[in-house]
Amino acid sequence: MIQLKIYVVGNTPKSEQLVSNLQKILREALNGLFRLEIINIFENQGKVEEAGIFATPTLIKTSPGPERRVFGDLTDKEKVLFALGLVPMN
């Protein structure tokens, strides 16, 4: 099971669309074998500081190691999966 966290700014339409697109990418690529924790930076300042988040959106693959972080645009499926170390880049 792949463990991920996504740090977003509030419950805005843009954040909701980002999470929806990301979940679609992950469902298709990982056959549902993932857990995605959605963290609103305004409601979870402690988690933000603990994780050292300085930009949003930030996606972190926490398990299995090694930890990988992806910042910014998460719309390109191949780039996201490659950045997370889940597939080789074509």
Protein backbone atom coordinates (compact mmCIF):
# COMPACT_ATOMS: atom_id res chain seq x y z
CA MET A 1 0.00 0.00 0.00
CA ILE A 2 1.39 3.39 -1.03
CA GLN A 3 0.94 6.12 1.63
CA LEU A 4 0.69 9.70 0.40
CA LYS A 5 -0.12 13.14 1.79
CA ILE A 6 -1.27 16.15 -0.19
CA TYR A 7 -1.00 19.62 1.34
CA VAL A 8 -3.48 22.12 -0.14
CA VAL A 9 -4.65 25.68 0.49
CA GLY A 10 -8.16 25.50 1.91
CA ASN A 11 -11.26 23.93 0.44
CA THR A 12 -11.28 26.01 -2.72
CA PRO A 13 -12.64 24.78 -6.05
CA LYS A 14 -9.06 24.74 -7.37
CA SER A 15 -7.86 22.57 -4.46
CA GLU A 16 -10.83 20.24 -4.80
CA GLN A 17 -10.18 19.83 -8.55
CA LEU A 18 -6.50 19.17 -7.89
CA VAL A 19 -7.30 16.44 -5.35
CA SER A 20 -9.91 14.90 -7.65
CA ASN A 21 -7.45 14.78 -10.57
CA LEU A 22 -4.73 13.33 -8.34
CA GLN A 23 -7.04 10.63 -6.99
CA LYS A 24 -7.95 9.67 -10.56
CA ILE A 25 -4.27 9.39 -11.53
CA LEU A 26 -3.52 7.27 -8.47
CA ARG A 27 -6.57 5.01 -8.89
CA GLU A 28 -5.65 4.28 -12.50
CA ALA A 29 -1.92 3.77 -11.87
CA LEU A 30 -2.06 1.98 -8.52
CA ASN A 31 -5.31 0.02 -8.83
CA GLY A 32 -6.60 1.60 -5.63
CA LEU A 33 -3.63 0.37 -3.57
CA PHE A 34 -2.94 3.74 -1.98
CA ARG A 35 -3.98 5.89 0.93
CA LEU A 36 -4.12 9.65 0.37
CA GLU A 37 -4.33 11.98 3.36
CA ILE A 38 -5.57 15.46 2.39
CA ILE A 39 -4.17 18.20 4.61
CA ASN A 40 -5.62 21.72 4.54
CA ILE A 41 -2.72 23.97 5.54
CA PHE A 42 -5.07 26.47 7.20
CA GLU A 43 -6.55 23.81 9.51
CA ASN A 44 -3.39 21.80 10.25
CA GLN A 45 -0.56 24.23 10.92
CA GLY A 46 1.21 21.73 13.18
CA LYS A 47 1.39 19.10 10.41
CA VAL A 48 2.56 21.74 7.95
CA GLU A 49 5.42 22.82 10.19
CA GLU A 50 6.32 19.24 11.09
CA ALA A 51 6.56 18.28 7.42
CA GLY A 52 8.48 21.43 6.47
CA ILE A 53 5.97 22.48 3.83
CA PHE A 54 6.91 25.73 2.11
CA ALA A 55 4.84 25.54 -1.10
CA THR A 56 1.44 24.24 -2.09
CA PRO A 57 0.32 22.00 -3.42
CA THR A 58 2.87 19.54 -2.09
CA LEU A 59 2.42 15.80 -2.54
CA ILE A 60 4.53 13.49 -0.38
CA LYS A 61 4.94 9.73 -0.77
CA THR A 62 5.71 8.65 2.78
CA SER A 63 5.70 4.89 2.39
CA PRO A 64 7.24 2.76 1.12
CA GLY A 65 10.51 4.68 1.33
CA PRO A 66 12.34 6.60 0.27
CA GLU A 67 10.17 9.65 0.83
CA ARG A 68 9.48 11.64 -2.35
CA ARG A 69 8.00 15.14 -2.72
CA VAL A 70 6.28 16.73 -5.69
CA PHE A 71 5.43 20.44 -5.79
CA GLY A 72 3.09 22.47 -7.97
CA ASP A 73 1.21 21.21 -10.99
CA LEU A 74 0.06 17.62 -10.51
CA THR A 75 -1.88 17.19 -13.75
CA ASP A 76 0.65 15.25 -15.84
CA LYS A 77 0.19 11.60 -14.86
CA GLU A 78 3.58 10.36 -16.11
CA LYS A 79 5.52 13.19 -14.46
CA VAL A 80 3.72 12.77 -11.14
CA LEU A 81 4.25 9.01 -11.03
CA PHE A 82 7.90 9.39 -12.11
CA ALA A 83 8.55 12.08 -9.46
CA LEU A 84 7.08 9.77 -6.82
CA GLY A 85 9.39 6.97 -7.97
CA LEU A 86 6.48 4.77 -9.00
CA VAL A 87 7.23 4.38 -12.74
CA PRO A 88 10.22 4.94 -15.02
CA MET A 89 10.07 8.00 -17.29
CA ASN A 90 9.44 7.11 -20.94
